[in-house]
Amino acid sequence: MSEKLKYTIIVFTENETGMLSRVVSVFTRRHINVESLTTSKSSMKGIYRFTIVVRVTRDMVEKLVAQLEKQIDVVKAFYYEPDEIVYQEVALYKVPTHIFANSNKVETLIRQHNAKVLMIEPEYIVIEKTGHEHETEALLEELTNIGIYEFVRSGRIAIVKPMERLNKYLASLEEQVNTNGTGH
């Protein structure tokens, strides 16, 4: 049996109603847990991107990408291993203001974890940490020991290290159309 690894799947789609449901259904039908899902517009006008993190075998990620590409309005899908992307997550922590009083422990934690204070209110302080999941979890663990009201972490956002494959793919499609004489 192949080893399960963490893959980042990037899916480029047209911005159509129901795309999220259709993309997620590909994973649901295969009983695959999505560890992280983020959507945003892409660098190309009218094209949106889904960044999805899953832990599966290489064979399964290849099948997932092939199935995603069969969906109507999916332009192209790619998968990447961690060393092929630059990625981050953003975490927000709401902590009681009183834990800062008469102690530099929280201030030291914020500095050690390269976090920053976003908001100071009489009852709470909001801290932001950008990094990999293990980094945001490490700060969460330390703040949980001191006192925390709320925590939220975004999904993974990623930029691929190889030049953007979609641009090359679209250029090759355009070239094929022009070569076949069906282009204008």
Protein backbone atom coordinates (compact mmCIF):
# COMPACT_ATOMS: atom_id res chain seq x y z
CA MET A 1 0.00 0.00 0.00
CA SER A 2 1.31 3.46 -0.92
CA GLU A 3 2.08 5.98 1.75
CA LYS A 4 -0.40 8.81 2.34
CA LEU A 5 1.21 12.22 1.90
CA LYS A 6 -0.06 15.77 2.18
CA TYR A 7 -0.79 17.26 -1.24
CA THR A 8 -1.95 20.73 -2.23
CA ILE A 9 -4.40 20.65 -5.13
CA ILE A 10 -4.97 23.87 -7.04
CA VAL A 11 -8.08 24.00 -9.22
CA PHE A 12 -8.72 26.83 -11.67
CA THR A 13 -12.38 27.37 -12.53
CA GLU A 14 -14.77 29.78 -14.09
CA ASN A 15 -16.76 31.72 -11.49
CA GLU A 16 -20.07 29.86 -11.70
CA THR A 17 -22.73 29.22 -9.07
CA GLY A 18 -22.37 25.76 -7.53
CA MET A 19 -18.65 25.32 -8.27
CA LEU A 20 -17.78 24.87 -4.60
CA SER A 21 -20.37 22.13 -4.25
CA ARG A 22 -19.18 20.35 -7.39
CA VAL A 23 -15.51 20.52 -6.39
CA VAL A 24 -16.18 19.29 -2.85
CA SER A 25 -18.41 16.46 -4.11
CA VAL A 26 -15.41 14.92 -5.90
CA PHE A 27 -13.77 14.44 -2.49
CA THR A 28 -16.97 13.45 -0.69
CA ARG A 29 -17.75 10.65 -3.13
CA ARG A 30 -14.32 9.16 -2.44
CA HIS A 31 -14.59 9.62 1.35
CA ILE A 32 -11.55 11.89 1.38
CA ASN A 33 -11.23 14.43 4.17
CA VAL A 34 -10.34 17.94 3.03
CA GLU A 35 -7.87 19.32 5.57
CA SER A 36 -8.00 22.86 4.18
CA LEU A 37 -9.93 24.69 1.46
CA THR A 38 -9.42 28.26 0.33
CA THR A 39 -10.95 30.05 -2.65
CA SER A 40 -10.02 33.32 -4.31
CA LYS A 41 -9.78 35.02 -7.65
CA SER A 42 -6.62 34.22 -9.61
CA SER A 43 -4.22 36.41 -11.54
CA MET A 44 -6.30 35.81 -14.70
CA LYS A 45 -9.49 37.79 -15.22
CA GLY A 46 -12.61 35.65 -14.76
CA ILE A 47 -10.68 32.63 -13.43
CA TYR A 48 -10.92 31.58 -9.79
CA ARG A 49 -8.78 29.18 -7.81
CA PHE A 50 -9.42 26.62 -5.14
CA THR A 51 -6.49 25.63 -2.94
CA ILE A 52 -7.27 22.27 -1.33
CA VAL A 53 -5.10 20.27 1.08
CA VAL A 54 -5.59 16.51 1.40
CA ARG A 55 -3.64 13.57 2.79
CA VAL A 56 -3.81 10.75 0.22
CA THR A 57 -1.63 8.41 -1.83
CA ARG A 58 -0.01 9.63 -5.05
CA ASP A 59 -2.32 7.37 -7.06
CA MET A 60 -5.37 8.89 -5.36
CA VAL A 61 -4.27 12.51 -5.89
CA GLU A 62 -3.74 11.76 -9.58
CA LYS A 63 -7.27 10.31 -9.80
CA LEU A 64 -8.70 13.30 -7.89
CA VAL A 65 -7.11 15.80 -10.26
CA ALA A 66 -8.34 13.83 -13.29
CA GLN A 67 -11.88 13.74 -11.85
CA LEU A 68 -11.79 17.45 -11.01
CA GLU A 69 -10.83 18.26 -14.60
CA LYS A 70 -13.94 16.42 -15.84
CA GLN A 71 -16.18 18.90 -14.01
CA ILE A 72 -17.91 21.49 -16.16
CA ASP A 73 -16.36 24.96 -15.70
CA VAL A 74 -13.05 23.56 -14.34
CA VAL A 75 -10.30 24.99 -16.51
CA LYS A 76 -7.40 22.95 -15.11
CA ALA A 77 -6.29 21.26 -11.88
CA PHE A 78 -2.79 20.54 -10.59
CA TYR A 79 -1.36 18.86 -7.49
CA TYR A 80 1.82 19.71 -5.63
CA GLU A 81 4.01 18.28 -2.91
CA PRO A 82 5.11 20.63 -0.11
CA ASP A 83 8.55 21.34 -1.63
CA GLU A 84 6.92 22.58 -4.87
CA ILE A 85 4.98 25.45 -3.26
CA VAL A 86 5.39 28.45 -1.00
CA TYR A 87 2.49 28.45 1.44
CA GLN A 88 1.15 30.14 4.55
CA GLU A 89 -1.88 30.25 6.81
CA VAL A 90 -3.14 33.10 8.96
CA ALA A 91 -4.34 32.54 12.51
CA LEU A 92 -6.17 34.92 14.83
CA TYR A 93 -6.23 34.54 18.62
CA LYS A 94 -8.49 36.45 21.01
CA VAL A 95 -6.99 36.54 24.48
CA PRO A 96 -8.13 38.25 27.68
CA THR A 97 -6.54 41.67 28.18
CA HIS A 98 -5.82 40.89 31.83
CA ILE A 99 -3.20 38.26 30.91
CA PHE A 100 -0.99 41.12 29.70
CA ALA A 101 -1.26 42.97 33.02
CA ASN A 102 1.80 42.85 35.27
CA SER A 103 3.57 40.30 33.04
CA ASN A 104 5.75 40.33 29.98
CA LYS A 105 5.09 36.63 29.31
CA VAL A 106 2.53 37.20 26.56
CA GLU A 107 4.60 39.96 25.01
CA THR A 108 7.58 37.59 24.96
CA LEU A 109 5.42 34.86 23.35
CA ILE A 110 4.27 37.28 20.66
CA ARG A 111 7.85 38.22 19.86
CA GLN A 112 9.12 34.61 19.92
CA HIS A 113 6.40 33.51 17.51
CA ASN A 114 6.74 36.55 15.19
CA ALA A 115 3.09 37.40 15.81
CA LYS A 116 1.55 40.84 16.05
CA VAL A 117 -1.23 42.55 17.96
CA LEU A 118 -4.09 43.65 15.69
CA MET A 119 -6.53 45.09 18.19
CA ILE A 120 -6.60 46.04 21.86
CA GLU A 121 -9.95 46.31 23.60
CA PRO A 122 -10.71 46.59 27.33
CA GLU A 123 -11.82 42.92 27.51
CA TYR A 124 -9.59 41.26 24.92
CA ILE A 125 -6.63 41.54 22.57
CA VAL A 126 -6.51 40.06 19.05
CA ILE A 127 -3.21 38.56 17.93
CA GLU A 128 -2.31 37.54 14.37
CA LYS A 129 0.21 34.86 13.41
CA THR A 130 1.12 34.00 9.82
CA GLY A 131 2.99 30.77 9.17
CA HIS A 132 2.69 27.05 8.65
CA GLU A 133 0.13 25.01 10.56
CA HIS A 134 2.65 23.71 13.11
CA GLU A 135 3.69 27.31 13.87
CA THR A 136 0.16 28.59 14.43
CA GLU A 137 -0.61 25.50 16.52
CA ALA A 138 2.48 26.08 18.68
CA LEU A 139 1.32 29.59 19.58
CA LEU A 140 -2.20 28.29 20.19
CA GLU A 141 -0.89 25.70 22.63
CA GLU A 142 1.08 28.27 24.59
CA LEU A 143 -1.81 30.76 24.67
CA THR A 144 -4.23 28.01 25.72
CA ASN A 145 -2.08 27.44 28.81
CA ILE A 146 -2.38 31.15 29.71
CA GLY A 147 -5.96 31.80 28.62
CA ILE A 148 -7.68 32.22 25.29
CA TYR A 149 -11.23 33.15 24.27
CA GLU A 150 -11.21 32.33 20.59
CA PHE A 151 -9.03 30.92 17.81
CA VAL A 152 -9.44 30.68 14.03
CA ARG A 153 -7.05 29.70 11.27
CA SER A 154 -7.45 30.23 7.54
CA GLY A 155 -6.94 27.53 5.00
CA ARG A 156 -3.66 27.22 3.18
CA ILE A 157 -2.82 29.77 0.54
CA ALA A 158 -0.07 28.77 -1.87
CA ILE A 159 1.99 29.96 -4.78
CA VAL A 160 3.71 27.31 -6.85
CA LYS A 161 7.46 27.44 -7.35
CA PRO A 162 7.39 26.29 -10.99
CA MET A 163 6.18 29.01 -13.35
CA GLU A 164 2.42 29.03 -13.42
CA ARG A 165 1.38 25.91 -15.31
CA LEU A 166 -2.07 27.24 -16.19
CA ASN A 167 -0.62 30.04 -18.33
CA LYS A 168 1.40 27.47 -20.27
CA TYR A 169 -1.64 25.21 -20.58
CA LEU A 170 -3.86 28.03 -21.89
CA ALA A 171 -1.15 29.14 -24.33
CA SER A 172 -0.88 25.56 -25.64
CA LEU A 173 -4.67 25.40 -26.10
CA GLU A 174 -4.64 28.65 -28.03
CA GLU A 175 -1.75 27.38 -30.16
CA GLN A 176 -3.66 24.15 -30.90
CA VAL A 177 -6.74 26.10 -31.98
CA ASN A 178 -4.64 28.31 -34.26
CA THR A 179 -2.71 25.33 -35.69
CA ASN A 180 -5.88 23.40 -36.45
CA GLY A 181 -7.21 26.32 -38.43
CA THR A 182 -10.26 26.80 -36.24
CA GLY A 183 -8.91 29.97 -34.65
CA HIS A 184 -9.46 33.49 -35.98
